[in-house]
Amino acid sequence: MFLFFGIVAVTGSYFVQVQELPWQAFVCSVPVGLLASAILVVNNVRDLETDRRAGKRTLAVRLGRPRTRLLYTAMVGGAFICAPLPWAFGSMTGWLLLTWLAIPLAIPVIRTVRTRTDGPALNGALAKTGAVQLIFCLLYSAGILASGGIGS
């Protein structure tokens, strides 16, 4: 998920349009991949017990519920931490911090994933993680454009 819905999707789309791959394209793909992968992690948290009984060896089964919940939190939090890195490295502007407007949407979802085990609550967290990713990526795109674009 991280590789193909993050790195490949973002850098590939950028390369097709511009015919070059600056480092910023790779850095900007990381938070996108983290949030895409977080959707899969919620799904695996929800299905952990049935997967274990069925003999499936998902990452959540291998890690267990507490560490998988921590992984989810790290992935979502990591996306918000990674988003402004091009600005921190002097390449883009503080407009990348627009993504932080999505933090209030992410916090309740993280809380749900960390505290609930019932299917309906985790189904809601699955949908809300997708919504967080959508809002985050729209804000990230706006921040990148307001910064003059990747490679500026």
Protein backbone atom coordinates (compact mmCIF):
# COMPACT_ATOMS: atom_id res chain seq x y z
CA MET A 1 0.00 0.00 0.00
CA PHE A 2 2.64 2.49 1.06
CA LEU A 3 4.76 1.88 -2.00
CA PHE A 4 2.08 1.83 -4.69
CA PHE A 5 -0.50 4.24 -3.25
CA GLY A 6 2.16 6.64 -1.98
CA ILE A 7 5.57 6.62 -3.62
CA VAL A 8 4.59 5.22 -7.03
CA ALA A 9 1.30 7.12 -7.32
CA VAL A 10 2.71 10.52 -6.37
CA THR A 11 6.12 10.35 -8.00
CA GLY A 12 4.74 8.54 -11.04
CA SER A 13 2.03 11.17 -11.55
CA TYR A 14 4.59 13.92 -11.14
CA PHE A 15 7.04 12.31 -13.55
CA VAL A 16 4.40 11.76 -16.25
CA GLN A 17 3.55 15.46 -16.18
CA VAL A 18 7.00 17.03 -15.75
CA GLN A 19 9.46 14.36 -16.97
CA GLU A 20 11.73 14.73 -13.95
CA LEU A 21 11.84 13.45 -10.38
CA PRO A 22 13.16 15.94 -7.83
CA TRP A 23 13.64 14.81 -4.23
CA GLN A 24 10.59 16.82 -3.17
CA ALA A 25 8.31 14.47 -5.13
CA PHE A 26 9.56 11.55 -3.05
CA VAL A 27 9.24 13.44 0.24
CA CYS A 28 5.72 14.60 -0.66
CA SER A 29 4.71 11.02 -1.45
CA VAL A 30 5.49 9.75 2.05
CA PRO A 31 2.52 11.25 3.94
CA VAL A 32 0.17 10.18 1.15
CA GLY A 33 1.44 6.61 1.40
CA LEU A 34 1.23 6.63 5.20
CA LEU A 35 -2.43 7.61 5.15
CA ALA A 36 -3.27 5.11 2.41
CA SER A 37 -1.60 2.39 4.45
CA ALA A 38 -3.42 3.51 7.60
CA ILE A 39 -6.69 2.59 5.88
CA LEU A 40 -5.44 -0.98 5.50
CA VAL A 41 -4.26 -1.03 9.12
CA VAL A 42 -7.75 -0.06 10.39
CA ASN A 43 -9.20 -2.85 8.28
CA ASN A 44 -6.71 -5.30 9.78
CA VAL A 45 -7.42 -4.11 13.34
CA ARG A 46 -11.12 -4.67 12.75
CA ASP A 47 -10.57 -8.17 11.34
CA LEU A 48 -7.78 -9.20 13.71
CA GLU A 49 -9.65 -11.92 15.62
CA THR A 50 -11.33 -13.48 12.58
CA ASP A 51 -8.05 -13.40 10.66
CA ARG A 52 -6.27 -15.06 13.58
CA ARG A 53 -8.91 -17.82 13.77
CA ALA A 54 -8.72 -18.33 10.01
CA GLY A 55 -4.93 -18.70 10.18
CA LYS A 56 -4.23 -15.53 8.22
CA ARG A 57 -0.87 -13.98 9.03
CA THR A 58 -1.65 -10.29 8.53
CA LEU A 59 0.63 -7.70 10.04
CA ALA A 60 -2.02 -7.03 12.70
CA VAL A 61 -2.13 -10.71 13.65
CA ARG A 62 1.65 -10.80 13.90
CA LEU A 63 1.93 -7.55 15.88
CA GLY A 64 -1.14 -7.98 18.05
CA ARG A 65 -3.81 -5.39 18.74
CA PRO A 66 -1.82 -3.00 21.00
CA ARG A 67 1.13 -2.66 18.63
CA THR A 68 -1.12 -2.45 15.56
CA ARG A 69 -3.01 0.39 17.20
CA LEU A 70 0.31 2.09 17.88
CA LEU A 71 1.29 1.53 14.23
CA TYR A 72 -1.93 3.22 13.09
CA THR A 73 -1.29 6.19 15.37
CA ALA A 74 2.29 6.47 14.11
CA MET A 75 1.20 6.33 10.47
CA VAL A 76 -1.45 9.03 10.82
CA GLY A 77 0.74 11.20 13.05
CA GLY A 78 3.72 10.59 10.78
CA ALA A 79 1.79 11.94 7.80
CA PHE A 80 1.24 15.24 9.60
CA ILE A 81 4.88 15.38 10.69
CA CYS A 82 6.26 14.56 7.22
CA ALA A 83 4.04 16.97 5.27
CA PRO A 84 6.03 20.15 6.06
CA LEU A 85 9.47 18.54 5.60
CA PRO A 86 10.13 20.21 2.22
CA TRP A 87 9.53 23.55 3.96
CA ALA A 88 11.84 22.53 6.83
CA PHE A 89 14.52 21.69 4.24
CA GLY A 90 14.08 25.13 2.65
CA SER A 91 12.45 23.99 -0.57
CA MET A 92 8.83 25.09 -0.20
CA THR A 93 6.90 27.48 2.01
CA GLY A 94 4.90 27.21 5.20
CA TRP A 95 1.77 26.71 3.12
CA LEU A 96 2.47 22.99 3.56
CA LEU A 97 1.20 23.44 7.12
CA LEU A 98 -2.31 23.66 5.66
CA THR A 99 -2.44 19.90 6.18
CA TRP A 100 -2.51 20.52 9.92
CA LEU A 101 -6.07 21.80 9.51
CA ALA A 102 -7.03 18.13 9.19
CA ILE A 103 -5.60 17.21 12.61
CA PRO A 104 -8.93 17.83 14.39
CA LEU A 105 -10.49 15.28 12.02
CA ALA A 106 -7.75 12.73 12.65
CA ILE A 107 -7.69 12.82 16.45
CA PRO A 108 -11.14 11.27 17.06
CA VAL A 109 -10.41 8.54 14.51
CA ILE A 110 -7.12 7.70 16.22
CA ARG A 111 -8.97 7.58 19.54
CA THR A 112 -11.54 5.17 18.07
CA VAL A 113 -8.90 2.84 16.64
CA ARG A 114 -6.96 2.88 19.92
CA THR A 115 -9.96 2.16 22.16
CA ARG A 116 -12.64 0.23 20.25
CA THR A 117 -12.82 -3.36 19.09
CA ASP A 118 -16.38 -3.55 17.75
CA GLY A 119 -16.95 -3.82 14.01
CA PRO A 120 -19.36 -0.89 13.60
CA ALA A 121 -17.00 1.56 15.36
CA LEU A 122 -14.01 0.34 13.35
CA ASN A 123 -16.03 0.42 10.11
CA GLY A 124 -16.68 4.07 10.89
CA ALA A 125 -12.98 4.60 11.60
CA LEU A 126 -12.18 2.99 8.25
CA ALA A 127 -14.43 5.43 6.40
CA LYS A 128 -13.20 8.37 8.47
CA THR A 129 -9.56 7.47 7.82
CA GLY A 130 -10.38 7.69 4.10
CA ALA A 131 -12.01 11.08 4.70
CA VAL A 132 -8.94 12.26 6.63
CA GLN A 133 -6.75 11.18 3.73
CA LEU A 134 -8.96 13.01 1.23
CA ILE A 135 -9.01 16.27 3.21
CA PHE A 136 -5.30 15.99 4.01
CA CYS A 137 -4.39 15.45 0.34
CA LEU A 138 -6.57 18.33 -0.84
CA LEU A 139 -4.93 20.63 1.71
CA TYR A 140 -1.50 19.25 0.83
CA SER A 141 -2.11 19.90 -2.86
CA ALA A 142 -3.21 23.45 -2.08
CA GLY A 143 -0.11 23.97 0.07
CA ILE A 144 2.19 22.61 -2.63
CA LEU A 145 0.57 24.84 -5.26
CA ALA A 146 0.72 27.89 -2.98
CA SER A 147 4.42 27.13 -2.44
CA GLY A 148 5.04 27.32 -6.17
CA GLY A 149 4.91 23.58 -6.78
CA ILE A 150 7.32 20.71 -6.35
CA GLY A 151 10.87 21.46 -7.38
CA SER A 152 10.41 25.23 -7.17
